[in-house]
């Protein structure tokens, strides 16, 4: 039984490497987690802004009466 020519080994290796990259889900998972963290950060910023407006009105009222 003869071994396949060297060029065939390279093609098999390149196809295997391409399939490995396609099957690798780590990059997709990292992007999903990044999007989730960004969404949570955006919600926190919006909440802090709305709470800041809610809290600043009584302080401004008290400051104007002093």
Protein backbone atom coordinates (compact mmCIF):
# COMPACT_ATOMS: atom_id res chain seq x y z
CA UNK A 1 0.00 0.00 0.00
CA UNK A 2 1.46 3.32 -1.05
CA UNK A 3 1.17 6.57 0.88
CA UNK A 4 -0.71 9.42 -0.80
CA UNK A 5 1.43 12.06 -2.47
CA UNK A 6 2.70 14.91 -0.22
CA UNK A 7 0.30 17.38 -1.81
CA UNK A 8 -2.62 15.19 -0.71
CA UNK A 9 -1.35 15.30 2.91
CA UNK A 10 -1.34 19.10 2.75
CA UNK A 11 -4.88 19.23 1.37
CA UNK A 12 -6.14 16.87 4.08
CA UNK A 13 -4.39 18.95 6.76
CA UNK A 14 -5.78 22.24 5.42
CA UNK A 15 -9.30 20.83 5.21
CA UNK A 16 -9.01 19.51 8.76
CA UNK A 17 -7.72 22.86 10.01
CA UNK A 18 -10.57 24.71 8.30
CA UNK A 19 -13.14 22.37 9.80
CA UNK A 20 -11.57 22.82 13.23
CA UNK A 21 -11.86 26.61 12.95
CA UNK A 22 -15.46 26.38 11.75
CA UNK A 23 -16.39 23.99 14.57
CA UNK A 24 -14.72 26.20 17.24
CA UNK A 25 -17.45 28.08 19.13
CA UNK A 26 -15.25 29.99 21.57
CA UNK A 27 -15.24 33.18 19.49
CA UNK A 28 -19.00 33.17 19.12
CA UNK A 29 -19.46 32.61 22.85
CA UNK A 30 -17.09 35.47 23.67
CA UNK A 31 -19.06 37.80 21.40
CA UNK A 32 -22.34 36.75 23.01
CA UNK A 33 -20.97 37.39 26.50
CA UNK A 34 -19.60 40.77 25.37
CA UNK A 35 -23.01 41.77 24.02
CA UNK A 36 -24.70 40.69 27.26
CA UNK A 37 -22.24 42.69 29.38
CA UNK A 38 -22.65 45.74 27.13
CA UNK A 39 -26.44 45.52 27.45
CA UNK A 40 -26.22 45.23 31.23
CA UNK A 41 -23.86 48.23 31.37
CA UNK A 42 -26.27 50.26 29.23
CA UNK A 43 -29.18 49.41 31.54
CA UNK A 44 -27.11 50.41 34.58
CA UNK A 45 -26.22 53.78 33.00
CA UNK A 46 -29.87 54.49 32.14
CA UNK A 47 -30.99 53.55 35.66
CA UNK A 48 -28.33 55.74 37.27
CA UNK A 49 -29.36 58.69 35.11
CA UNK A 50 -33.04 58.29 35.99
CA UNK A 51 -32.26 57.83 39.69
CA UNK A 52 -29.98 60.86 39.57
CA UNK A 53 -32.79 63.04 38.23
CA UNK A 54 -35.20 61.63 40.83
CA UNK A 55 -32.78 62.32 43.70
CA UNK A 56 -31.53 65.72 42.53
CA UNK A 57 -34.98 67.39 42.55
CA UNK A 58 -35.45 67.20 46.36
CA UNK A 59 -31.87 68.42 46.93
CA UNK A 60 -32.42 71.35 44.58
CA UNK A 61 -35.67 72.20 46.38
CA UNK A 62 -33.94 72.13 49.78
CA UNK A 63 -31.01 74.16 48.45
CA UNK A 64 -33.30 76.84 47.02
CA UNK A 65 -35.10 77.24 50.37
CA UNK A 66 -31.86 77.72 52.27
